[in-house]
PDB file of all heavy atoms in Angstrom:
ATOM      1  N   THR A   1       9.497  29.327  56.647  1.00  0.00           N
ATOM      2  CA  THR A   1       9.437  29.772  58.033  1.00  0.00           C
ATOM      3  C   THR A   1      10.444  28.950  58.835  1.00  0.00           C
ATOM      4  O   THR A   1      10.914  27.901  58.378  1.00  0.00           O
ATOM      5  CB  THR A   1       8.032  29.582  58.638  1.00  0.00           C
ATOM      6  OG1 THR A   1       7.661  28.189  58.565  1.00  0.00           O
ATOM      7  CG2 THR A   1       7.005  30.404  57.879  1.00  0.00           C
ATOM      8  N   ARG A   2      10.779  29.444  60.010  1.00  0.00           N
ATOM      9  CA  ARG A   2      11.713  28.722  60.883  1.00  0.00           C
ATOM     10  C   ARG A   2      11.077  28.525  62.254  1.00  0.00           C
ATOM     11  O   ARG A   2      10.491  29.458  62.813  1.00  0.00           O
ATOM     12  CB  ARG A   2      13.038  29.467  61.008  1.00  0.00           C
ATOM     13  CG  ARG A   2      13.791  29.570  59.676  1.00  0.00           C
ATOM     14  CD  ARG A   2      15.237  29.985  59.862  1.00  0.00           C
ATOM     15  NE  ARG A   2      15.944  30.096  58.595  1.00  0.00           N
ATOM     16  CZ  ARG A   2      16.513  29.093  57.941  1.00  0.00           C
ATOM     17  NH1 ARG A   2      16.431  27.856  58.450  1.00  0.00           N
ATOM     18  NH2 ARG A   2      17.155  29.287  56.814  1.00  0.00           N
ATOM     19  N   GLU A   3      11.189  27.295  62.756  1.00  0.00           N
ATOM     20  CA  GLU A   3      10.589  26.954  64.039  1.00  0.00           C
ATOM     21  C   GLU A   3      11.676  26.418  64.956  1.00  0.00           C
ATOM     22  O   GLU A   3      12.383  25.463  64.604  1.00  0.00           O
ATOM     23  CB  GLU A   3       9.483  25.918  63.843  1.00  0.00           C
ATOM     24  CG  GLU A   3       8.597  25.745  65.064  1.00  0.00           C
ATOM     25  CD  GLU A   3       7.322  24.964  64.742  1.00  0.00           C
ATOM     26  OE1 GLU A   3       7.236  24.383  63.647  1.00  0.00           O
ATOM     27  OE2 GLU A   3       6.431  24.930  65.604  1.00  0.00           O
ATOM     28  N   CYS A   4      11.811  27.019  66.132  1.00  0.00           N
ATOM     29  CA  CYS A   4      12.905  26.697  67.048  1.00  0.00           C
ATOM     30  C   CYS A   4      12.350  26.128  68.354  1.00  0.00           C
ATOM     31  O   CYS A   4      11.407  26.678  68.933  1.00  0.00           O
ATOM     32  CB  CYS A   4      13.722  27.948  67.361  1.00  0.00           C
ATOM     33  SG  CYS A   4      14.240  28.893  65.912  1.00  0.00           S
ATOM     34  N   PHE A   5      12.966  25.040  68.797  1.00  0.00           N
ATOM     35  CA  PHE A   5      12.629  24.425  70.082  1.00  0.00           C
ATOM     36  C   PHE A   5      13.867  24.524  70.957  1.00  0.00           C
ATOM     37  O   PHE A   5      14.910  23.925  70.656  1.00  0.00           O
ATOM     38  CB  PHE A   5      12.174  22.985  69.882  1.00  0.00           C
ATOM     39  CG  PHE A   5      10.887  22.871  69.110  1.00  0.00           C
ATOM     40  CD1 PHE A   5      10.884  22.867  67.725  1.00  0.00           C
ATOM     41  CD2 PHE A   5       9.674  22.814  69.786  1.00  0.00           C
ATOM     42  CE1 PHE A   5       9.693  22.789  67.005  1.00  0.00           C
ATOM     43  CE2 PHE A   5       8.478  22.725  69.081  1.00  0.00           C
ATOM     44  CZ  PHE A   5       8.485  22.717  67.690  1.00  0.00           C
ATOM     45  N   VAL A   6      13.749  25.283  72.060  1.00  0.00           N
ATOM     46  CA  VAL A   6      14.922  25.691  72.829  1.00  0.00           C
ATOM     47  C   VAL A   6      14.782  25.265  74.287  1.00  0.00           C
ATOM     48  O   VAL A   6      13.733  25.461  74.905  1.00  0.00           O
ATOM     49  CB  VAL A   6      15.107  27.227  72.755  1.00  0.00           C
ATOM     50  CG1 VAL A   6      16.334  27.666  73.551  1.00  0.00           C
ATOM     51  CG2 VAL A   6      15.207  27.682  71.301  1.00  0.00           C
ATOM     52  N   VAL A   7      15.865  24.688  74.818  1.00  0.00           N
ATOM     53  CA  VAL A   7      15.948  24.380  76.247  1.00  0.00           C
ATOM     54  C   VAL A   7      16.838  25.442  76.876  1.00  0.00           C
ATOM     55  O   VAL A   7      18.034  25.546  76.557  1.00  0.00           O
ATOM     56  CB  VAL A   7      16.539  22.982  76.499  1.00  0.00           C
ATOM     57  CG1 VAL A   7      16.611  22.709  77.998  1.00  0.00           C
ATOM     58  CG2 VAL A   7      15.714  21.910  75.783  1.00  0.00           C
ATOM     59  N   ALA A   8      16.262  26.243  77.744  1.00  0.00           N
ATOM     60  CA  ALA A   8      17.011  27.323  78.390  1.00  0.00           C
ATOM     61  C   ALA A   8      17.498  26.883  79.761  1.00  0.00           C
ATOM     62  O   ALA A   8      16.868  26.064  80.438  1.00  0.00           O
ATOM     63  CB  ALA A   8      16.140  28.568  78.518  1.00  0.00           C
ATOM     64  N   ALA A   9      18.629  27.415  80.157  1.00  0.00           N
ATOM     65  CA  ALA A   9      19.150  27.138  81.492  1.00  0.00           C
ATOM     66  C   ALA A   9      18.223  27.755  82.533  1.00  0.00           C
ATOM     67  O   ALA A   9      17.519  28.741  82.270  1.00  0.00           O
ATOM     68  CB  ALA A   9      20.557  27.711  81.632  1.00  0.00           C
ATOM     69  N   GLU A  10      18.231  27.174  83.718  1.00  0.00           N
ATOM     70  CA  GLU A  10      17.398  27.685  84.791  1.00  0.00           C
ATOM     71  C   GLU A  10      17.777  29.133  85.099  1.00  0.00           C
ATOM     72  O   GLU A  10      18.945  29.459  85.278  1.00  0.00           O
ATOM     73  CB  GLU A  10      17.561  26.823  86.049  1.00  0.00           C
ATOM     74  CG  GLU A  10      16.611  27.198  87.167  1.00  0.00           C
ATOM     75  CD  GLU A  10      16.704  26.253  88.351  1.00  0.00           C
ATOM     76  OE1 GLU A  10      17.408  25.225  88.230  1.00  0.00           O
ATOM     77  OE2 GLU A  10      16.092  26.541  89.396  1.00  0.00           O
ATOM     78  N   GLY A  11      16.781  29.995  85.116  1.00  0.00           N
ATOM     79  CA  GLY A  11      17.025  31.403  85.414  1.00  0.00           C
ATOM     80  C   GLY A  11      17.470  32.234  84.227  1.00  0.00           C
ATOM     81  O   GLY A  11      17.666  33.447  84.355  1.00  0.00           O
ATOM     82  N   ALA A  12      17.638  31.622  83.065  1.00  0.00           N
ATOM     83  CA  ALA A  12      18.069  32.364  81.886  1.00  0.00           C
ATOM     84  C   ALA A  12      16.979  33.329  81.433  1.00  0.00           C
ATOM     85  O   ALA A  12      15.784  33.091  81.623  1.00  0.00           O
ATOM     86  CB  ALA A  12      18.421  31.401  80.756  1.00  0.00           C
ATOM     87  N   ASP A  13      17.383  34.410  80.816  1.00  0.00           N
ATOM     88  CA  ASP A  13      16.463  35.425  80.329  1.00  0.00           C
ATOM     89  C   ASP A  13      15.900  34.949  78.975  1.00  0.00           C
ATOM     90  O   ASP A  13      16.523  35.121  77.933  1.00  0.00           O
ATOM     91  CB  ASP A  13      17.210  36.752  80.171  1.00  0.00           C
ATOM     92  CG  ASP A  13      16.290  37.905  79.756  1.00  0.00           C
ATOM     93  OD1 ASP A  13      15.162  37.633  79.302  1.00  0.00           O
ATOM     94  OD2 ASP A  13      16.722  39.066  79.860  1.00  0.00           O
ATOM     95  N   LYS A  14      14.721  34.360  79.003  1.00  0.00           N
ATOM     96  CA  LYS A  14      14.148  33.797  77.780  1.00  0.00           C
ATOM     97  C   LYS A  14      13.805  34.872  76.760  1.00  0.00           C
ATOM     98  O   LYS A  14      13.927  34.646  75.545  1.00  0.00           O
ATOM     99  CB  LYS A  14      12.903  32.970  78.124  1.00  0.00           C
ATOM    100  CG  LYS A  14      13.218  31.712  78.926  1.00  0.00           C
ATOM    101  CD  LYS A  14      11.955  30.914  79.215  1.00  0.00           C
ATOM    102  CE  LYS A  14      12.287  29.643  80.000  1.00  0.00           C
ATOM    103  NZ  LYS A  14      11.062  28.862  80.316  1.00  0.00           N
ATOM    104  N   ALA A  15      13.389  36.033  77.230  1.00  0.00           N
ATOM    105  CA  ALA A  15      13.077  37.112  76.295  1.00  0.00           C
ATOM    106  C   ALA A  15      14.327  37.535  75.526  1.00  0.00           C
ATOM    107  O   ALA A  15      14.274  37.783  74.312  1.00  0.00           O
ATOM    108  CB  ALA A  15      12.482  38.300  77.051  1.00  0.00           C
ATOM    109  N   ARG A  16      15.460  37.607  76.213  1.00  0.00           N
ATOM    110  CA  ARG A  16      16.717  37.958  75.539  1.00  0.00           C
ATOM    111  C   ARG A  16      17.117  36.881  74.544  1.00  0.00           C
ATOM    112  O   ARG A  16      17.540  37.175  73.417  1.00  0.00           O
ATOM    113  CB  ARG A  16      17.836  38.153  76.571  1.00  0.00           C
ATOM    114  CG  ARG A  16      19.214  38.369  75.917  1.00  0.00           C
ATOM    115  CD  ARG A  16      20.341  38.341  76.929  1.00  0.00           C
ATOM    116  NE  ARG A  16      20.379  37.114  77.710  1.00  0.00           N
ATOM    117  CZ  ARG A  16      20.878  35.956  77.276  1.00  0.00           C
ATOM    118  NH1 ARG A  16      21.355  35.844  76.036  1.00  0.00           N
ATOM    119  NH2 ARG A  16      20.900  34.902  78.061  1.00  0.00           N
ATOM    120  N   ILE A  17      16.985  35.602  74.953  1.00  0.00           N
ATOM    121  CA  ILE A  17      17.341  34.501  74.055  1.00  0.00           C
ATOM    122  C   ILE A  17      16.486  34.537  72.794  1.00  0.00           C
ATOM    123  O   ILE A  17      16.996  34.424  71.672  1.00  0.00           O
ATOM    124  CB  ILE A  17      17.183  33.153  74.787  1.00  0.00           C
ATOM    125  CG1 ILE A  17      18.236  33.023  75.892  1.00  0.00           C
ATOM    126  CG2 ILE A  17      17.290  31.993  73.795  1.00  0.00           C
ATOM    127  CD1 ILE A  17      18.030  31.817  76.794  1.00  0.00           C
ATOM    128  N   GLU A  18      15.175  34.736  72.966  1.00  0.00           N
ATOM    129  CA  GLU A  18      14.284  34.790  71.806  1.00  0.00           C
ATOM    130  C   GLU A  18      14.646  35.961  70.898  1.00  0.00           C
ATOM    131  O   GLU A  18      14.681  35.823  69.663  1.00  0.00           O
ATOM    132  CB  GLU A  18      12.829  34.899  72.256  1.00  0.00           C
ATOM    133  CG  GLU A  18      11.852  34.945  71.086  1.00  0.00           C
ATOM    134  CD  GLU A  18      10.396  34.872  71.535  1.00  0.00           C
ATOM    135  OE1 GLU A  18      10.147  34.820  72.759  1.00  0.00           O
ATOM    136  OE2 GLU A  18       9.517  34.870  70.652  1.00  0.00           O
ATOM    137  N   ARG A  19      14.964  37.095  71.499  1.00  0.00           N
ATOM    138  CA  ARG A  19      15.334  38.280  70.718  1.00  0.00           C
ATOM    139  C   ARG A  19      16.624  38.033  69.924  1.00  0.00           C
ATOM    140  O   ARG A  19      16.726  38.396  68.749  1.00  0.00           O
ATOM    141  CB  ARG A  19      15.500  39.478  71.655  1.00  0.00           C
ATOM    142  CG  ARG A  19      15.729  40.806  70.951  1.00  0.00           C
ATOM    143  CD  ARG A  19      15.555  41.972  71.905  1.00  0.00           C
ATOM    144  NE  ARG A  19      16.472  41.888  73.048  1.00  0.00           N
ATOM    145  CZ  ARG A  19      16.079  41.617  74.305  1.00  0.00           C
ATOM    146  NH1 ARG A  19      14.808  41.395  74.564  1.00  0.00           N
ATOM    147  NH2 ARG A  19      16.960  41.572  75.276  1.00  0.00           N
ATOM    148  N   GLU A  20      17.601  37.390  70.571  1.00  0.00           N
ATOM    149  CA  GLU A  20      18.858  37.099  69.877  1.00  0.00           C
ATOM    150  C   GLU A  20      18.654  36.125  68.720  1.00  0.00           C
ATOM    151  O   GLU A  20      19.330  36.208  67.690  1.00  0.00           O
ATOM    152  CB  GLU A  20      19.894  36.538  70.867  1.00  0.00           C
ATOM    153  CG  GLU A  20      20.464  37.577  71.819  1.00  0.00           C
ATOM    154  CD  GLU A  20      21.678  37.065  72.570  1.00  0.00           C
ATOM    155  OE1 GLU A  20      22.459  36.269  71.989  1.00  0.00           O
ATOM    156  OE2 GLU A  20      21.854  37.451  73.738  1.00  0.00           O
ATOM    157  N   ILE A  21      17.721  35.191  68.893  1.00  0.00           N
ATOM    158  CA  ILE A  21      17.446  34.229  67.815  1.00  0.00           C
ATOM    159  C   ILE A  21      16.800  34.925  66.625  1.00  0.00           C
ATOM    160  O   ILE A  21      17.290  34.866  65.500  1.00  0.00           O
ATOM    161  CB  ILE A  21      16.542  33.078  68.324  1.00  0.00           C
ATOM    162  CG1 ILE A  21      17.287  32.210  69.343  1.00  0.00           C
ATOM    163  CG2 ILE A  21      16.074  32.213  67.137  1.00  0.00           C
ATOM    164  CD1 ILE A  21      16.407  31.189  70.028  1.00  0.00           C
ATOM    165  N   VAL A  22      15.689  35.607  66.861  1.00  0.00           N
ATOM    166  CA  VAL A  22      14.896  36.133  65.737  1.00  0.00           C
ATOM    167  C   VAL A  22      15.598  37.276  65.013  1.00  0.00           C
ATOM    168  O   VAL A  22      15.272  37.581  63.851  1.00  0.00           O
ATOM    169  CB  VAL A  22      13.492  36.570  66.202  1.00  0.00           C
ATOM    170  CG1 VAL A  22      12.726  35.402  66.801  1.00  0.00           C
ATOM    171  CG2 VAL A  22      13.562  37.736  67.178  1.00  0.00           C
ATOM    172  N   THR A  23      16.598  37.906  65.650  1.00  0.00           N
ATOM    173  CA  THR A  23      17.313  39.012  64.999  1.00  0.00           C
ATOM    174  C   THR A  23      18.693  38.592  64.492  1.00  0.00           C
ATOM    175  O   THR A  23      19.439  39.443  63.976  1.00  0.00           O
ATOM    176  CB  THR A  23      17.489  40.192  65.976  1.00  0.00           C
ATOM    177  OG1 THR A  23      18.256  39.762  67.125  1.00  0.00           O
ATOM    178  CG2 THR A  23      16.148  40.730  66.429  1.00  0.00           C
ATOM    179  N   MET A  24      19.037  37.301  64.578  1.00  0.00           N
ATOM    180  CA  MET A  24      20.373  36.855  64.198  1.00  0.00           C
ATOM    181  C   MET A  24      20.579  36.978  62.685  1.00  0.00           C
ATOM    182  O   MET A  24      19.891  36.334  61.894  1.00  0.00           O
ATOM    183  CB  MET A  24      20.582  35.393  64.636  1.00  0.00           C
ATOM    184  CG  MET A  24      22.018  34.905  64.493  1.00  0.00           C
ATOM    185  SD  MET A  24      22.182  33.143  64.949  1.00  0.00           S
ATOM    186  CE  MET A  24      21.711  33.177  66.681  1.00  0.00           C
ATOM    187  N   PRO A  25      21.550  37.800  62.253  1.00  0.00           N
ATOM    188  CA  PRO A  25      21.764  37.947  60.815  1.00  0.00           C
ATOM    189  C   PRO A  25      22.259  36.660  60.174  1.00  0.00           C
ATOM    190  O   PRO A  25      22.934  35.860  60.818  1.00  0.00           O
ATOM    191  CB  PRO A  25      22.841  39.050  60.736  1.00  0.00           C
ATOM    192  CG  PRO A  25      23.327  39.291  62.107  1.00  0.00           C
ATOM    193  CD  PRO A  25      22.441  38.588  63.064  1.00  0.00           C
ATOM    194  N   ASN A  26      21.908  36.463  58.904  1.00  0.00           N
ATOM    195  CA  ASN A  26      22.297  35.292  58.101  1.00  0.00           C
ATOM    196  C   ASN A  26      21.599  34.001  58.525  1.00  0.00           C
ATOM    197  O   ASN A  26      21.685  33.000  57.814  1.00  0.00           O
ATOM    198  CB  ASN A  26      23.817  35.058  58.128  1.00  0.00           C
ATOM    199  CG  ASN A  26      24.596  36.222  57.567  1.00  0.00           C
ATOM    200  OD1 ASN A  26      24.215  36.793  56.556  1.00  0.00           O
ATOM    201  ND2 ASN A  26      25.685  36.592  58.240  1.00  0.00           N
ATOM    202  N   TYR A  27      20.928  33.995  59.657  1.00  0.00           N
ATOM    203  CA  TYR A  27      20.285  32.771  60.134  1.00  0.00           C
ATOM    204  C   TYR A  27      18.765  32.938  60.267  1.00  0.00           C
ATOM    205  O   TYR A  27      18.004  32.142  59.736  1.00  0.00           O
ATOM    206  CB  TYR A  27      20.881  32.352  61.481  1.00  0.00           C
ATOM    207  CG  TYR A  27      22.247  31.722  61.352  1.00  0.00           C
ATOM    208  CD1 TYR A  27      23.397  32.500  61.358  1.00  0.00           C
ATOM    209  CD2 TYR A  27      22.391  30.349  61.202  1.00  0.00           C
ATOM    210  CE1 TYR A  27      24.660  31.922  61.232  1.00  0.00           C
ATOM    211  CE2 TYR A  27      23.641  29.752  61.073  1.00  0.00           C
ATOM    212  CZ  TYR A  27      24.764  30.555  61.084  1.00  0.00           C
ATOM    213  OH  TYR A  27      26.002  29.974  60.945  1.00  0.00           O
ATOM    214  N   PHE A  28      18.301  33.968  61.008  1.00  0.00           N
ATOM    215  CA  PHE A  28      16.876  34.068  61.312  1.00  0.00           C
ATOM    216  C   PHE A  28      16.244  35.416  60.990  1.00  0.00           C
ATOM    217  O   PHE A  28      15.018  35.510  60.877  1.00  0.00           O
ATOM    218  CB  PHE A  28      16.637  33.765  62.799  1.00  0.00           C
ATOM    219  CG  PHE A  28      17.056  32.384  63.211  1.00  0.00           C
ATOM    220  CD1 PHE A  28      18.271  32.169  63.850  1.00  0.00           C
ATOM    221  CD2 PHE A  28      16.259  31.288  62.919  1.00  0.00           C
ATOM    222  CE1 PHE A  28      18.673  30.890  64.213  1.00  0.00           C
ATOM    223  CE2 PHE A  28      16.647  29.997  63.280  1.00  0.00           C
ATOM    224  CZ  PHE A  28      17.861  29.807  63.923  1.00  0.00           C
ATOM    225  N   ALA A  29      17.056  36.453  60.842  1.00  0.00           N
ATOM    226  CA  ALA A  29      16.496  37.804  60.731  1.00  0.00           C
ATOM    227  C   ALA A  29      15.578  37.979  59.529  1.00  0.00           C
ATOM    228  O   ALA A  29      14.649  38.788  59.562  1.00  0.00           O
ATOM    229  CB  ALA A  29      17.634  38.829  60.675  1.00  0.00           C
ATOM    230  N   ASP A  30      15.818  37.224  58.466  1.00  0.00           N
ATOM    231  CA  ASP A  30      15.031  37.395  57.245  1.00  0.00           C
ATOM    232  C   ASP A  30      13.836  36.457  57.147  1.00  0.00           C
ATOM    233  O   ASP A  30      13.203  36.370  56.083  1.00  0.00           O
ATOM    234  CB  ASP A  30      15.926  37.181  56.015  1.00  0.00           C
ATOM    235  CG  ASP A  30      17.015  38.228  55.909  1.00  0.00           C
ATOM    236  OD1 ASP A  30      16.783  39.367  56.371  1.00  0.00           O
ATOM    237  OD2 ASP A  30      18.098  37.910  55.390  1.00  0.00           O
ATOM    238  N   TYR A  31      13.522  35.749  58.221  1.00  0.00           N
ATOM    239  CA  TYR A  31      12.440  34.753  58.198  1.00  0.00           C
ATOM    240  C   TYR A  31      11.424  35.035  59.298  1.00  0.00           C
ATOM    241  O   TYR A  31      11.755  35.621  60.343  1.00  0.00           O
ATOM    242  CB  TYR A  31      13.003  33.345  58.419  1.00  0.00           C
ATOM    243  CG  TYR A  31      13.993  32.897  57.381  1.00  0.00           C
ATOM    244  CD1 TYR A  31      15.342  33.229  57.499  1.00  0.00           C
ATOM    245  CD2 TYR A  31      13.596  32.141  56.283  1.00  0.00           C
ATOM    246  CE1 TYR A  31      16.270  32.826  56.542  1.00  0.00           C
ATOM    247  CE2 TYR A  31      14.506  31.724  55.332  1.00  0.00           C
ATOM    248  CZ  TYR A  31      15.844  32.074  55.465  1.00  0.00           C
ATOM    249  OH  TYR A  31      16.758  31.666  54.526  1.00  0.00           O
ATOM    250  N   ASP A  32      10.194  34.577  59.106  1.00  0.00           N
ATOM    251  CA  ASP A  32       9.238  34.524  60.203  1.00  0.00           C
ATOM    252  C   ASP A  32       9.652  33.356  61.086  1.00  0.00           C
ATOM    253  O   ASP A  32       9.608  32.191  60.652  1.00  0.00           O
ATOM    254  CB  ASP A  32       7.814  34.312  59.671  1.00  0.00           C
ATOM    255  CG  ASP A  32       7.283  35.551  58.960  1.00  0.00           C
ATOM    256  OD1 ASP A  32       7.766  36.656  59.253  1.00  0.00           O
ATOM    257  OD2 ASP A  32       6.399  35.409  58.095  1.00  0.00           O
ATOM    258  N   THR A  33      10.075  33.660  62.300  1.00  0.00           N
ATOM    259  CA  THR A  33      10.668  32.662  63.193  1.00  0.00           C
ATOM    260  C   THR A  33       9.856  32.540  64.464  1.00  0.00           C
ATOM    261  O   THR A  33       9.534  33.547  65.113  1.00  0.00           O
ATOM    262  CB  THR A  33      12.119  33.044  63.551  1.00  0.00           C
ATOM    263  OG1 THR A  33      12.883  33.146  62.346  1.00  0.00           O
ATOM    264  CG2 THR A  33      12.749  32.022  64.473  1.00  0.00           C
ATOM    265  N   THR A  34       9.512  31.296  64.814  1.00  0.00           N
ATOM    266  CA  THR A  34       8.778  31.014  66.045  1.00  0.00           C
ATOM    267  C   THR A  34       9.709  30.283  67.015  1.00  0.00           C
ATOM    268  O   THR A  34      10.375  29.321  66.634  1.00  0.00           O
ATOM    269  CB  THR A  34       7.542  30.141  65.763  1.00  0.00           C
ATOM    270  OG1 THR A  34       6.734  30.778  64.775  1.00  0.00           O
ATOM    271  CG2 THR A  34       6.733  29.930  67.026  1.00  0.00           C
ATOM    272  N   VAL A  35       9.744  30.741  68.261  1.00  0.00           N
ATOM    273  CA  VAL A  35      10.609  30.134  69.273  1.00  0.00           C
ATOM    274  C   VAL A  35       9.731  29.508  70.352  1.00  0.00           C
ATOM    275  O   VAL A  35       8.882  30.178  70.946  1.00  0.00           O
ATOM    276  CB  VAL A  35      11.552  31.172  69.911  1.00  0.00           C
ATOM    277  CG1 VAL A  35      12.418  30.522  70.995  1.00  0.00           C
ATOM    278  CG2 VAL A  35      12.427  31.824  68.838  1.00  0.00           C
ATOM    279  N   HIS A  36       9.942  28.203  70.597  1.00  0.00           N
ATOM    280  CA  HIS A  36       9.243  27.487  71.664  1.00  0.00           C
ATOM    281  C   HIS A  36      10.265  27.105  72.734  1.00  0.00           C
ATOM    282  O   HIS A  36      11.290  26.484  72.412  1.00  0.00           O
ATOM    283  CB  HIS A  36       8.585  26.205  71.140  1.00  0.00           C
ATOM    284  CG  HIS A  36       7.691  26.400  69.954  1.00  0.00           C
ATOM    285  ND1 HIS A  36       6.375  26.789  70.066  1.00  0.00           N
ATOM    286  CD2 HIS A  36       7.925  26.240  68.618  1.00  0.00           C
ATOM    287  CE1 HIS A  36       5.832  26.866  68.850  1.00  0.00           C
ATOM    288  NE2 HIS A  36       6.759  26.541  67.958  1.00  0.00           N
ATOM    289  N   PHE A  37      10.002  27.429  73.977  1.00  0.00           N
ATOM    290  CA  PHE A  37      10.857  26.985  75.072  1.00  0.00           C
ATOM    291  C   PHE A  37      10.265  25.721  75.672  1.00  0.00           C
ATOM    292  O   PHE A  37       9.092  25.695  76.060  1.00  0.00           O
ATOM    293  CB  PHE A  37      10.993  28.082  76.135  1.00  0.00           C
ATOM    294  CG  PHE A  37      11.831  29.241  75.672  1.00  0.00           C
ATOM    295  CD1 PHE A  37      11.239  30.390  75.175  1.00  0.00           C
ATOM    296  CD2 PHE A  37      13.215  29.157  75.711  1.00  0.00           C
ATOM    297  CE1 PHE A  37      12.008  31.451  74.726  1.00  0.00           C
ATOM    298  CE2 PHE A  37      14.002  30.222  75.270  1.00  0.00           C
ATOM    299  CZ  PHE A  37      13.401  31.364  74.772  1.00  0.00           C
ATOM    300  N   ILE A  38      11.057  24.662  75.702  1.00  0.00           N
ATOM    301  CA  ILE A  38      10.598  23.361  76.188  1.00  0.00           C
ATOM    302  C   ILE A  38      11.637  22.789  77.154  1.00  0.00           C
ATOM    303  O   ILE A  38      12.740  23.333  77.313  1.00  0.00           O
ATOM    304  CB  ILE A  38      10.373  22.374  75.015  1.00  0.00           C
ATOM    305  CG1 ILE A  38      11.675  22.145  74.239  1.00  0.00           C
ATOM    306  CG2 ILE A  38       9.274  22.888  74.093  1.00  0.00           C
ATOM    307  CD1 ILE A  38      11.558  21.107  73.141  1.00  0.00           C
ATOM    308  N   THR A  39      11.289  21.677  77.777  1.00  0.00           N
ATOM    309  CA  THR A  39      12.210  21.033  78.713  1.00  0.00           C
ATOM    310  C   THR A  39      13.174  20.112  77.953  1.00  0.00           C
ATOM    311  O   THR A  39      12.921  19.739  76.802  1.00  0.00           O
ATOM    312  CB  THR A  39      11.455  20.204  79.753  1.00  0.00           C
ATOM    313  OG1 THR A  39      10.807  19.100  79.082  1.00  0.00           O
ATOM    314  CG2 THR A  39      10.410  21.042  80.480  1.00  0.00           C
ATOM    315  N   MET A  40      14.250  19.734  78.626  1.00  0.00           N
ATOM    316  CA  MET A  40      15.198  18.813  78.017  1.00  0.00           C
ATOM    317  C   MET A  40      14.531  17.470  77.735  1.00  0.00           C
ATOM    318  O   MET A  40      14.809  16.829  76.706  1.00  0.00           O
ATOM    319  CB  MET A  40      16.407  18.614  78.931  1.00  0.00           C
ATOM    320  CG  MET A  40      17.532  17.791  78.314  1.00  0.00           C
ATOM    321  SD  MET A  40      18.325  18.622  76.906  1.00  0.00           S
ATOM    322  CE  MET A  40      19.378  19.793  77.794  1.00  0.00           C
ATOM    323  N   GLU A  41      13.641  17.051  78.606  1.00  0.00           N
ATOM    324  CA  GLU A  41      12.932  15.787  78.416  1.00  0.00           C
ATOM    325  C   GLU A  41      12.069  15.846  77.148  1.00  0.00           C
ATOM    326  O   GLU A  41      12.021  14.888  76.373  1.00  0.00           O
ATOM    327  CB  GLU A  41      12.059  15.467  79.637  1.00  0.00           C
ATOM    328  CG  GLU A  41      12.829  15.115  80.894  1.00  0.00           C
ATOM    329  CD  GLU A  41      13.521  16.303  81.547  1.00  0.00           C
ATOM    330  OE1 GLU A  41      13.078  17.460  81.290  1.00  0.00           O
ATOM    331  OE2 GLU A  41      14.506  16.105  82.288  1.00  0.00           O
ATOM    332  N   GLU A  42      11.382  16.954  76.948  1.00  0.00           N
ATOM    333  CA  GLU A  42      10.559  17.110  75.747  1.00  0.00           C
ATOM    334  C   GLU A  42      11.412  17.124  74.482  1.00  0.00           C
ATOM    335  O   GLU A  42      11.037  16.542  73.466  1.00  0.00           O
ATOM    336  CB  GLU A  42       9.750  18.410  75.847  1.00  0.00           C
ATOM    337  CG  GLU A  42       8.618  18.359  76.865  1.00  0.00           C
ATOM    338  CD  GLU A  42       7.955  19.722  77.049  1.00  0.00           C
ATOM    339  OE1 GLU A  42       8.677  20.737  77.120  1.00  0.00           O
ATOM    340  OE2 GLU A  42       6.712  19.764  77.110  1.00  0.00           O
ATOM    341  N   LEU A  43      12.570  17.778  74.552  1.00  0.00           N
ATOM    342  CA  LEU A  43      13.452  17.824  73.385  1.00  0.00           C
ATOM    343  C   LEU A  43      13.915  16.426  73.011  1.00  0.00           C
ATOM    344  O   LEU A  43      13.893  16.032  71.833  1.00  0.00           O
ATOM    345  CB  LEU A  43      14.657  18.729  73.669  1.00  0.00           C
ATOM    346  CG  LEU A  43      15.554  19.008  72.462  1.00  0.00           C
ATOM    347  CD1 LEU A  43      14.893  20.004  71.524  1.00  0.00           C
ATOM    348  CD2 LEU A  43      16.919  19.521  72.907  1.00  0.00           C
TER     349      LEU A  43
END
């Protein structure tokens, strides 16, 4: 499985970012992928 911790820019479309991650060929499309949006401090 793949687990992603992502810091998004203020106002960024998180749904679009998550969609681009989980459907990315050769990287994530073939895996069960979980995306967590967190703050820069948490990262």
